[in-house]
Amino acid sequence: YDQSGLEIHRLKHHQDVNKLEFLPYHFLLASVGNAGYLKYQDTSTGQ
């Protein structure tokens, strides 16, 4: 979401997530959930 509450993206690779962490110097969003997979998403390029 952006600062006004508008939905911008839906990250389809991150499913059933319990916890989120953001690495500020790498622009990486990390998630882990019930499936037991740790996933990394680049928030600057969307990759």
All heavy atoms as atom14 arrays in JSON, in Angstrom:
{
  "sequence": "YDQSGLEIHRLKHHQDVNKLEFLPYHFLLASVGNAGYLKYQDTSTGQ",
  "atom14_mask": [
    [1, 1, 1, 1, 1, 1, 1, 1, 1, 1, 1, 1, 0, 0],
    [1, 1, 1, 1, 1, 1, 1, 1, 0, 0, 0, 0, 0, 0],
    [1, 1, 1, 1, 1, 1, 1, 1, 1, 0, 0, 0, 0, 0],
    [1, 1, 1, 1, 1, 1, 0, 0, 0, 0, 0, 0, 0, 0],
    [1, 1, 1, 1, 0, 0, 0, 0, 0, 0, 0, 0, 0, 0],
    [1, 1, 1, 1, 1, 1, 1, 1, 0, 0, 0, 0, 0, 0],
    [1, 1, 1, 1, 1, 1, 1, 1, 1, 0, 0, 0, 0, 0],
    [1, 1, 1, 1, 1, 1, 1, 1, 0, 0, 0, 0, 0, 0],
    [1, 1, 1, 1, 1, 1, 1, 1, 1, 1, 0, 0, 0, 0],
    [1, 1, 1, 1, 1, 1, 1, 1, 1, 1, 1, 0, 0, 0],
    [1, 1, 1, 1, 1, 1, 1, 1, 0, 0, 0, 0, 0, 0],
    [1, 1, 1, 1, 1, 1, 1, 1, 1, 0, 0, 0, 0, 0],
    [1, 1, 1, 1, 1, 1, 1, 1, 1, 1, 0, 0, 0, 0],
    [1, 1, 1, 1, 1, 1, 1, 1, 1, 1, 0, 0, 0, 0],
    [1, 1, 1, 1, 1, 1, 1, 1, 1, 0, 0, 0, 0, 0],
    [1, 1, 1, 1, 1, 1, 1, 1, 0, 0, 0, 0, 0, 0],
    [1, 1, 1, 1, 1, 1, 1, 0, 0, 0, 0, 0, 0, 0],
    [1, 1, 1, 1, 1, 1, 1, 1, 0, 0, 0, 0, 0, 0],
    [1, 1, 1, 1, 1, 1, 1, 1, 1, 0, 0, 0, 0, 0],
    [1, 1, 1, 1, 1, 1, 1, 1, 0, 0, 0, 0, 0, 0],
    [1, 1, 1, 1, 1, 1, 1, 1, 1, 0, 0, 0, 0, 0],
    [1, 1, 1, 1, 1, 1, 1, 1, 1, 1, 1, 0, 0, 0],
    [1, 1, 1, 1, 1, 1, 1, 1, 0, 0, 0, 0, 0, 0],
    [1, 1, 1, 1, 1, 1, 1, 0, 0, 0, 0, 0, 0, 0],
    [1, 1, 1, 1, 1, 1, 1, 1, 1, 1, 1, 1, 0, 0],
    [1, 1, 1, 1, 1, 1, 1, 1, 1, 1, 0, 0, 0, 0],
    [1, 1, 1, 1, 1, 1, 1, 1, 1, 1, 1, 0, 0, 0],
    [1, 1, 1, 1, 1, 1, 1, 1, 0, 0, 0, 0, 0, 0],
    [1, 1, 1, 1, 1, 1, 1, 1, 0, 0, 0, 0, 0, 0],
    [1, 1, 1, 1, 1, 0, 0, 0, 0, 0, 0, 0, 0, 0],
    [1, 1, 1, 1, 1, 1, 0, 0, 0, 0, 0, 0, 0, 0],
    [1, 1, 1, 1, 1, 1, 1, 0, 0, 0, 0, 0, 0, 0],
    [1, 1, 1, 1, 0, 0, 0, 0, 0, 0, 0, 0, 0, 0],
    [1, 1, 1, 1, 1, 1, 1, 1, 0, 0, 0, 0, 0, 0],
    [1, 1, 1, 1, 1, 0, 0, 0, 0, 0, 0, 0, 0, 0],
    [1, 1, 1, 1, 0, 0, 0, 0, 0, 0, 0, 0, 0, 0],
    [1, 1, 1, 1, 1, 1, 1, 1, 1, 1, 1, 1, 0, 0],
    [1, 1, 1, 1, 1, 1, 1, 1, 0, 0, 0, 0, 0, 0],
    [1, 1, 1, 1, 1, 1, 1, 1, 1, 0, 0, 0, 0, 0],
    [1, 1, 1, 1, 1, 1, 1, 1, 1, 1, 1, 1, 0, 0],
    [1, 1, 1, 1, 1, 1, 1, 1, 1, 0, 0, 0, 0, 0],
    [1, 1, 1, 1, 1, 1, 1, 1, 0, 0, 0, 0, 0, 0],
    [1, 1, 1, 1, 1, 1, 1, 0, 0, 0, 0, 0, 0, 0],
    [1, 1, 1, 1, 1, 1, 0, 0, 0, 0, 0, 0, 0, 0],
    [1, 1, 1, 1, 1, 1, 1, 0, 0, 0, 0, 0, 0, 0],
    [1, 1, 1, 1, 0, 0, 0, 0, 0, 0, 0, 0, 0, 0],
    [1, 1, 1, 1, 1, 1, 1, 1, 1, 0, 0, 0, 0, 0]
  ],
  "atom14_positions": [
    [[0.85, -1.19, 0.0], [0.0, 0.0, 0.0], [0.89, 1.24, 0.0], [2.04, 1.2, 0.46], [-0.92, 0.02, 1.23], [-1.92, -1.11, 1.28], [-1.58, -2.32, 1.91], [-3.19, -0.98, 0.74], [-2.48, -3.37, 1.98], [-4.11, -2.03, 0.8], [-3.74, -3.21, 1.42], [-4.64, -4.25, 1.49], [0.0, 0.0, 0.0], [0.0, 0.0, 0.0]],
    [[0.32, 2.35, -0.47], [1.04, 3.62, -0.4], [0.57, 4.41, 0.82], [-0.22, 3.91, 1.63], [0.87, 4.42, -1.69], [-0.55, 4.92, -1.9], [-1.44, 4.54, -1.1], [-0.79, 5.67, -2.86], [0.0, 0.0, 0.0], [0.0, 0.0, 0.0], [0.0, 0.0, 0.0], [0.0, 0.0, 0.0], [0.0, 0.0, 0.0], [0.0, 0.0, 0.0]],
    [[1.02, 5.65, 0.95], [0.76, 6.45, 2.14], [-0.71, 6.84, 2.27], [-1.18, 7.14, 3.36], [1.62, 7.72, 2.1], [1.72, 8.44, 3.42], [2.68, 9.6, 3.36], [3.07, 10.02, 2.28], [3.07, 10.12, 4.51], [0.0, 0.0, 0.0], [0.0, 0.0, 0.0], [0.0, 0.0, 0.0], [0.0, 0.0, 0.0], [0.0, 0.0, 0.0]],
    [[-1.47, 6.8, 1.17], [-2.89, 7.14, 1.21], [-3.78, 5.92, 1.4], [-5.01, 6.05, 1.4], [-3.3, 7.85, -0.09], [-3.11, 7.0, -1.21], [0.0, 0.0, 0.0], [0.0, 0.0, 0.0], [0.0, 0.0, 0.0], [0.0, 0.0, 0.0], [0.0, 0.0, 0.0], [0.0, 0.0, 0.0], [0.0, 0.0, 0.0], [0.0, 0.0, 0.0]],
    [[-3.18, 4.74, 1.55], [-3.97, 3.53, 1.73], [-4.4, 2.86, 0.45], [-5.21, 1.92, 0.47], [0.0, 0.0, 0.0], [0.0, 0.0, 0.0], [0.0, 0.0, 0.0], [0.0, 0.0, 0.0], [0.0, 0.0, 0.0], [0.0, 0.0, 0.0], [0.0, 0.0, 0.0], [0.0, 0.0, 0.0], [0.0, 0.0, 0.0], [0.0, 0.0, 0.0]],
    [[-3.86, 3.3, -0.69], [-4.2, 2.72, -1.98], [-3.38, 1.45, -2.21], [-2.16, 1.46, -2.06], [-3.93, 3.72, -3.1], [-4.23, 3.26, -4.53], [-5.71, 3.03, -4.72], [-3.71, 4.27, -5.54], [0.0, 0.0, 0.0], [0.0, 0.0, 0.0], [0.0, 0.0, 0.0], [0.0, 0.0, 0.0], [0.0, 0.0, 0.0], [0.0, 0.0, 0.0]],
    [[-4.06, 0.37, -2.59], [-3.38, -0.88, -2.87], [-2.61, -0.77, -4.18], [-3.18, -0.47, -5.22], [-4.39, -2.02, -2.94], [-3.76, -3.38, -3.22], [-4.79, -4.47, -3.41], [-5.81, -4.45, -2.68], [-4.6, -5.34, -4.29], [0.0, 0.0, 0.0], [0.0, 0.0, 0.0], [0.0, 0.0, 0.0], [0.0, 0.0, 0.0], [0.0, 0.0, 0.0]],
    [[-1.3, -1.06, -4.14], [-0.44, -0.91, -5.31], [-0.1, -2.26, -5.93], [-0.19, -2.44, -7.14], [0.86, -0.17, -4.94], [0.54, 1.23, -4.43], [1.82, -0.09, -6.12], [1.75, 2.0, -3.97], [0.0, 0.0, 0.0], [0.0, 0.0, 0.0], [0.0, 0.0, 0.0], [0.0, 0.0, 0.0], [0.0, 0.0, 0.0], [0.0, 0.0, 0.0]],
    [[0.31, -3.22, -5.09], [0.74, -4.52, -5.6], [0.15, -5.64, -4.75], [-0.12, -5.46, -3.55], [2.27, -4.65, -5.58], [2.97, -3.66, -6.44], [2.91, -3.67, -7.81], [3.76, -2.61, -6.11], [3.62, -2.67, -8.3], [4.15, -2.01, -7.29], [0.0, 0.0, 0.0], [0.0, 0.0, 0.0], [0.0, 0.0, 0.0], [0.0, 0.0, 0.0]],
    [[0.01, -6.78, -5.39], [-0.28, -8.03, -4.69], [0.84, -9.0, -5.03], [1.03, -9.38, -6.18], [-1.62, -8.61, -5.13], [-1.94, -9.96, -4.48], [-3.32, -10.44, -4.88], [-3.39, -10.72, -6.3], [-3.11, -11.88, -6.87], [-2.71, -12.9, -6.11], [-3.21, -12.06, -8.17], [0.0, 0.0, 0.0], [0.0, 0.0, 0.0], [0.0, 0.0, 0.0]],
    [[1.61, -9.38, -4.02], [2.75, -10.27, -4.22], [2.26, -11.71, -4.21], [2.07, -12.32, -3.14], [3.81, -10.04, -3.14], [4.29, -8.58, -2.99], [5.36, -8.5, -1.91], [4.81, -8.03, -4.3], [0.0, 0.0, 0.0], [0.0, 0.0, 0.0], [0.0, 0.0, 0.0], [0.0, 0.0, 0.0], [0.0, 0.0, 0.0], [0.0, 0.0, 0.0]],
    [[2.04, -12.27, -5.4], [1.42, -13.59, -5.51], [2.36, -14.71, -5.06], [1.89, -15.81, -4.74], [0.98, -13.83, -6.94], [2.11, -13.81, -7.97], [1.57, -14.03, -9.37], [2.71, -14.01, -10.39], [2.21, -14.23, -11.77], [0.0, 0.0, 0.0], [0.0, 0.0, 0.0], [0.0, 0.0, 0.0], [0.0, 0.0, 0.0], [0.0, 0.0, 0.0]],
    [[3.67, -14.46, -5.06], [4.6, -15.5, -4.62], [4.6, -15.68, -3.11], [5.01, -16.74, -2.62], [6.03, -15.16, -5.08], [6.2, -15.21, -6.57], [6.2, -16.37, -7.28], [6.38, -14.21, -7.48], [6.38, -16.11, -8.57], [6.49, -14.81, -8.71], [0.0, 0.0, 0.0], [0.0, 0.0, 0.0], [0.0, 0.0, 0.0], [0.0, 0.0, 0.0]],
    [[4.15, -14.68, -2.36], [4.16, -14.73, -0.9], [2.76, -15.12, -0.43], [1.85, -14.29, -0.38], [4.57, -13.38, -0.31], [5.92, -12.92, -0.77], [7.03, -12.97, 0.02], [6.33, -12.4, -1.95], [8.07, -12.51, -0.64], [7.66, -12.15, -1.84], [0.0, 0.0, 0.0], [0.0, 0.0, 0.0], [0.0, 0.0, 0.0], [0.0, 0.0, 0.0]],
    [[2.58, -16.39, -0.1], [1.27, -16.91, 0.28], [1.3, -17.41, 1.71], [2.28, -18.0, 2.17], [0.86, -18.04, -0.66], [0.72, -17.62, -2.12], [0.36, -18.78, -3.01], [0.33, -19.92, -2.58], [0.09, -18.49, -4.28], [0.0, 0.0, 0.0], [0.0, 0.0, 0.0], [0.0, 0.0, 0.0], [0.0, 0.0, 0.0], [0.0, 0.0, 0.0]],
    [[0.16, -17.17, 2.4], [-0.02, -17.67, 3.77], [1.15, -17.26, 4.67], [1.78, -18.09, 5.34], [-0.17, -19.19, 3.76], [-0.94, -19.71, 4.95], [-1.51, -18.88, 5.68], [-0.95, -20.94, 5.18], [0.0, 0.0, 0.0], [0.0, 0.0, 0.0], [0.0, 0.0, 0.0], [0.0, 0.0, 0.0], [0.0, 0.0, 0.0], [0.0, 0.0, 0.0]],
    [[1.45, -15.95, 4.69], [2.62, -15.41, 5.39], [2.25, -15.06, 6.83], [1.17, -14.51, 7.09], [3.15, -14.17, 4.64], [4.21, -13.45, 5.46], [3.72, -14.59, 3.29], [0.0, 0.0, 0.0], [0.0, 0.0, 0.0], [0.0, 0.0, 0.0], [0.0, 0.0, 0.0], [0.0, 0.0, 0.0], [0.0, 0.0, 0.0], [0.0, 0.0, 0.0]],
    [[3.17, -15.35, 7.76], [3.0, -15.02, 9.17], [3.82, -13.81, 9.61], [3.37, -13.02, 10.43], [3.36, -16.21, 10.05], [2.4, -17.36, 9.91], [1.19, -17.15, 9.74], [2.9, -18.58, 9.96], [0.0, 0.0, 0.0], [0.0, 0.0, 0.0], [0.0, 0.0, 0.0], [0.0, 0.0, 0.0], [0.0, 0.0, 0.0], [0.0, 0.0, 0.0]],
    [[5.06, -13.67, 9.06], [5.95, -12.61, 9.5], [6.62, -11.95, 8.31], [6.93, -12.6, 7.3], [7.03, -13.16, 10.45], [6.55, -13.36, 11.87], [6.26, -12.04, 12.55], [5.84, -12.23, 13.99], [5.57, -10.92, 14.65], [0.0, 0.0, 0.0], [0.0, 0.0, 0.0], [0.0, 0.0, 0.0], [0.0, 0.0, 0.0], [0.0, 0.0, 0.0]],
    [[6.89, -10.64, 8.45], [7.57, -9.85, 7.43], [8.78, -9.16, 8.03], [8.77, -8.76, 9.21], [6.64, -8.79, 6.84], [5.41, -9.27, 6.06], [4.51, -8.09, 5.73], [5.82, -9.99, 4.78], [0.0, 0.0, 0.0], [0.0, 0.0, 0.0], [0.0, 0.0, 0.0], [0.0, 0.0, 0.0], [0.0, 0.0, 0.0], [0.0, 0.0, 0.0]],
    [[9.84, -8.99, 7.23], [11.01, -8.19, 7.59], [11.48, -7.45, 6.35], [11.41, -7.98, 5.24], [12.14, -9.05, 8.14], [12.0, -9.44, 9.59], [12.14, -8.27, 10.55], [12.71, -7.24, 10.16], [11.67, -8.38, 11.69], [0.0, 0.0, 0.0], [0.0, 0.0, 0.0], [0.0, 0.0, 0.0], [0.0, 0.0, 0.0], [0.0, 0.0, 0.0]],
    [[11.98, -6.22, 6.55], [12.48, -5.42, 5.43], [13.94, -5.08, 5.68], [14.3, -4.6, 6.76], [11.67, -4.14, 5.26], [12.12, -3.3, 4.1], [11.87, -3.7, 2.8], [12.8, -2.11, 4.29], [12.29, -2.95, 1.72], [13.22, -1.34, 3.23], [12.96, -1.77, 1.93], [0.0, 0.0, 0.0], [0.0, 0.0, 0.0], [0.0, 0.0, 0.0]],
    [[14.8, -5.35, 4.68], [16.22, -5.04, 4.76], [16.45, -3.7, 4.05], [16.4, -3.64, 2.82], [17.05, -6.14, 4.09], [16.74, -7.57, 4.54], [17.61, -8.57, 3.8], [16.94, -7.71, 6.04], [0.0, 0.0, 0.0], [0.0, 0.0, 0.0], [0.0, 0.0, 0.0], [0.0, 0.0, 0.0], [0.0, 0.0, 0.0], [0.0, 0.0, 0.0]],
    [[16.67, -2.61, 4.78], [16.67, -1.27, 4.17], [17.83, -1.0, 3.23], [17.68, -0.24, 2.27], [16.71, -0.33, 5.38], [17.32, -1.14, 6.48], [16.89, -2.55, 6.23], [0.0, 0.0, 0.0], [0.0, 0.0, 0.0], [0.0, 0.0, 0.0], [0.0, 0.0, 0.0], [0.0, 0.0, 0.0], [0.0, 0.0, 0.0], [0.0, 0.0, 0.0]],
    [[18.99, -1.61, 3.46], [20.15, -1.34, 2.61], [20.15, -2.19, 1.35], [20.91, -1.92, 0.42], [21.45, -1.56, 3.4], [21.55, -0.7, 4.62], [21.41, -1.24, 5.89], [21.77, 0.67, 4.51], [21.48, -0.44, 7.02], [21.84, 1.47, 5.62], [21.7, 0.92, 6.88], [21.77, 1.72, 8.0], [0.0, 0.0, 0.0], [0.0, 0.0, 0.0]],
    [[19.33, -3.24, 1.33], [19.26, -4.13, 0.16], [17.92, -4.01, -0.56], [17.74, -4.62, -1.61], [19.48, -5.58, 0.59], [20.74, -5.82, 1.34], [20.87, -5.51, 2.68], [21.93, -6.32, 0.96], [22.09, -5.83, 3.09], [22.75, -6.32, 2.07], [0.0, 0.0, 0.0], [0.0, 0.0, 0.0], [0.0, 0.0, 0.0], [0.0, 0.0, 0.0]],
    [[16.98, -3.28, 0.02], [15.62, -3.13, -0.52], [15.0, -4.5, -0.75], [14.43, -4.78, -1.81], [15.64, -2.32, -1.82], [15.74, -0.84, -1.6], [16.95, -0.25, -1.31], [14.61, -0.04, -1.65], [17.05, 1.11, -1.09], [14.69, 1.32, -1.43], [15.9, 1.9, -1.16], [0.0, 0.0, 0.0], [0.0, 0.0, 0.0], [0.0, 0.0, 0.0]],
    [[15.09, -5.36, 0.25], [14.55, -6.71, 0.17], [13.46, -6.88, 1.22], [13.64, -6.52, 2.39], [15.64, -7.76, 0.39], [16.7, -7.91, -0.69], [17.71, -8.98, -0.28], [16.08, -8.28, -2.02], [0.0, 0.0, 0.0], [0.0, 0.0, 0.0], [0.0, 0.0, 0.0], [0.0, 0.0, 0.0], [0.0, 0.0, 0.0], [0.0, 0.0, 0.0]],
    [[12.32, -7.41, 0.79], [11.24, -7.76, 1.69], [11.27, -9.27, 1.89], [11.15, -10.04, 0.93], [9.89, -7.32, 1.11], [8.65, -7.66, 1.96], [8.68, -6.89, 3.27], [7.38, -7.38, 1.19], [0.0, 0.0, 0.0], [0.0, 0.0, 0.0], [0.0, 0.0, 0.0], [0.0, 0.0, 0.0], [0.0, 0.0, 0.0], [0.0, 0.0, 0.0]],
    [[11.45, -9.71, 3.14], [11.53, -11.13, 3.46], [10.25, -11.56, 4.17], [9.69, -10.81, 4.98], [12.74, -11.42, 4.35], [0.0, 0.0, 0.0], [0.0, 0.0, 0.0], [0.0, 0.0, 0.0], [0.0, 0.0, 0.0], [0.0, 0.0, 0.0], [0.0, 0.0, 0.0], [0.0, 0.0, 0.0], [0.0, 0.0, 0.0], [0.0, 0.0, 0.0]],
    [[9.79, -12.76, 3.83], [8.55, -13.27, 4.44], [8.71, -14.75, 4.74], [9.46, -15.46, 4.06], [7.36, -13.05, 3.5], [7.45, -13.9, 2.37], [0.0, 0.0, 0.0], [0.0, 0.0, 0.0], [0.0, 0.0, 0.0], [0.0, 0.0, 0.0], [0.0, 0.0, 0.0], [0.0, 0.0, 0.0], [0.0, 0.0, 0.0], [0.0, 0.0, 0.0]],
    [[7.99, -15.22, 5.75], [7.96, -16.63, 6.09], [6.56, -16.93, 6.61], [5.9, -16.07, 7.21], [9.04, -16.98, 7.15], [8.71, -16.35, 8.5], [9.24, -18.47, 7.28], [0.0, 0.0, 0.0], [0.0, 0.0, 0.0], [0.0, 0.0, 0.0], [0.0, 0.0, 0.0], [0.0, 0.0, 0.0], [0.0, 0.0, 0.0], [0.0, 0.0, 0.0]],
    [[6.09, -18.16, 6.33], [4.72, -18.48, 6.69], [4.53, -19.93, 7.07], [5.47, -20.64, 7.47], [0.0, 0.0, 0.0], [0.0, 0.0, 0.0], [0.0, 0.0, 0.0], [0.0, 0.0, 0.0], [0.0, 0.0, 0.0], [0.0, 0.0, 0.0], [0.0, 0.0, 0.0], [0.0, 0.0, 0.0], [0.0, 0.0, 0.0], [0.0, 0.0, 0.0]],
    [[3.28, -20.38, 6.94], [2.92, -21.73, 7.37], [3.54, -22.81, 6.49], [3.68, -23.95, 6.93], [1.39, -21.87, 7.37], [0.74, -21.02, 8.44], [1.29, -20.84, 9.52], [-0.42, -20.45, 8.15], [0.0, 0.0, 0.0], [0.0, 0.0, 0.0], [0.0, 0.0, 0.0], [0.0, 0.0, 0.0], [0.0, 0.0, 0.0], [0.0, 0.0, 0.0]],
    [[3.88, -22.48, 5.24], [4.48, -23.48, 4.36], [5.94, -23.74, 4.68], [6.51, -24.71, 4.19], [4.34, -23.03, 2.9], [0.0, 0.0, 0.0], [0.0, 0.0, 0.0], [0.0, 0.0, 0.0], [0.0, 0.0, 0.0], [0.0, 0.0, 0.0], [0.0, 0.0, 0.0], [0.0, 0.0, 0.0], [0.0, 0.0, 0.0], [0.0, 0.0, 0.0]],
    [[6.57, -22.87, 5.48], [7.96, -23.08, 5.86], [8.96, -22.6, 4.83], [10.11, -23.04, 4.84], [0.0, 0.0, 0.0], [0.0, 0.0, 0.0], [0.0, 0.0, 0.0], [0.0, 0.0, 0.0], [0.0, 0.0, 0.0], [0.0, 0.0, 0.0], [0.0, 0.0, 0.0], [0.0, 0.0, 0.0], [0.0, 0.0, 0.0], [0.0, 0.0, 0.0]],
    [[8.57, -21.69, 3.94], [9.46, -21.15, 2.92], [9.84, -19.71, 3.28], [8.96, -18.89, 3.58], [8.81, -21.17, 1.54], [8.8, -22.52, 0.88], [7.78, -23.43, 1.13], [9.81, -22.91, 0.01], [7.76, -24.68, 0.54], [9.8, -24.16, -0.6], [8.78, -25.03, -0.32], [8.77, -26.27, -0.93], [0.0, 0.0, 0.0], [0.0, 0.0, 0.0]],
    [[11.13, -19.42, 3.24], [11.63, -18.06, 3.42], [11.81, -17.45, 2.03], [12.58, -17.97, 1.21], [12.95, -18.06, 4.18], [13.67, -16.72, 4.34], [12.82, -15.73, 5.12], [15.03, -16.9, 5.0], [0.0, 0.0, 0.0], [0.0, 0.0, 0.0], [0.0, 0.0, 0.0], [0.0, 0.0, 0.0], [0.0, 0.0, 0.0], [0.0, 0.0, 0.0]],
    [[11.12, -16.33, 1.77], [11.11, -15.74, 0.43], [11.6, -14.31, 0.48], [11.31, -13.58, 1.44], [9.69, -15.8, -0.16], [9.14, -17.21, -0.25], [7.74, -17.25, -0.83], [7.21, -18.69, -0.87], [5.86, -18.77, -1.45], [0.0, 0.0, 0.0], [0.0, 0.0, 0.0], [0.0, 0.0, 0.0], [0.0, 0.0, 0.0], [0.0, 0.0, 0.0]],
    [[12.32, -13.91, -0.58], [12.88, -12.56, -0.69], [12.32, -11.9, -1.96], [12.31, -12.51, -3.03], [14.41, -12.6, -0.79], [15.11, -12.98, 0.49], [15.35, -14.32, 0.8], [15.57, -12.02, 1.37], [16.02, -14.68, 1.96], [16.23, -12.36, 2.54], [16.46, -13.69, 2.82], [17.11, -14.03, 3.97], [0.0, 0.0, 0.0], [0.0, 0.0, 0.0]],
    [[11.89, -10.64, -1.8], [11.36, -9.86, -2.92], [12.08, -8.51, -2.95], [12.16, -7.82, -1.93], [9.85, -9.63, -2.77], [9.2, -8.91, -3.92], [8.63, -9.87, -4.94], [8.32, -11.01, -4.63], [8.47, -9.41, -6.18], [0.0, 0.0, 0.0], [0.0, 0.0, 0.0], [0.0, 0.0, 0.0], [0.0, 0.0, 0.0], [0.0, 0.0, 0.0]],
    [[12.61, -8.15, -4.13], [13.26, -6.85, -4.3], [12.18, -5.8, -4.52], [11.45, -5.82, -5.52], [14.21, -6.89, -5.49], [15.14, -5.69, -5.55], [14.7, -4.6, -5.15], [16.29, -5.84, -5.98], [0.0, 0.0, 0.0], [0.0, 0.0, 0.0], [0.0, 0.0, 0.0], [0.0, 0.0, 0.0], [0.0, 0.0, 0.0], [0.0, 0.0, 0.0]],
    [[12.04, -4.85, -3.58], [10.98, -3.86, -3.67], [11.34, -2.68, -4.58], [10.47, -1.88, -4.9], [10.65, -3.32, -2.27], [11.83, -2.75, -1.69], [10.13, -4.43, -1.38], [0.0, 0.0, 0.0], [0.0, 0.0, 0.0], [0.0, 0.0, 0.0], [0.0, 0.0, 0.0], [0.0, 0.0, 0.0], [0.0, 0.0, 0.0], [0.0, 0.0, 0.0]],
    [[12.61, -2.56, -4.99], [12.99, -1.46, -5.88], [12.73, -1.81, -7.35], [12.37, -0.95, -8.14], [14.47, -1.11, -5.69], [15.3, -2.22, -6.0], [0.0, 0.0, 0.0], [0.0, 0.0, 0.0], [0.0, 0.0, 0.0], [0.0, 0.0, 0.0], [0.0, 0.0, 0.0], [0.0, 0.0, 0.0], [0.0, 0.0, 0.0], [0.0, 0.0, 0.0]],
    [[12.92, -3.08, -7.71], [12.69, -3.52, -9.1], [11.45, -4.4, -9.24], [11.0, -4.65, -10.36], [13.91, -4.32, -9.6], [14.09, -5.48, -8.79], [15.16, -3.46, -9.54], [0.0, 0.0, 0.0], [0.0, 0.0, 0.0], [0.0, 0.0, 0.0], [0.0, 0.0, 0.0], [0.0, 0.0, 0.0], [0.0, 0.0, 0.0], [0.0, 0.0, 0.0]],
    [[10.9, -4.9, -8.13], [9.76, -5.8, -8.19], [10.13, -7.23, -8.51], [9.25, -8.07, -8.69], [0.0, 0.0, 0.0], [0.0, 0.0, 0.0], [0.0, 0.0, 0.0], [0.0, 0.0, 0.0], [0.0, 0.0, 0.0], [0.0, 0.0, 0.0], [0.0, 0.0, 0.0], [0.0, 0.0, 0.0], [0.0, 0.0, 0.0], [0.0, 0.0, 0.0]],
    [[11.41, -7.54, -8.57], [11.87, -8.88, -8.94], [11.81, -9.82, -7.74], [12.18, -9.46, -6.63], [13.3, -8.82, -9.48], [13.85, -10.15, -9.92], [15.29, -10.05, -10.38], [15.87, -8.97, -10.33], [15.86, -11.15, -10.84], [0.0, 0.0, 0.0], [0.0, 0.0, 0.0], [0.0, 0.0, 0.0], [0.0, 0.0, 0.0], [0.0, 0.0, 0.0]]
  ]
}
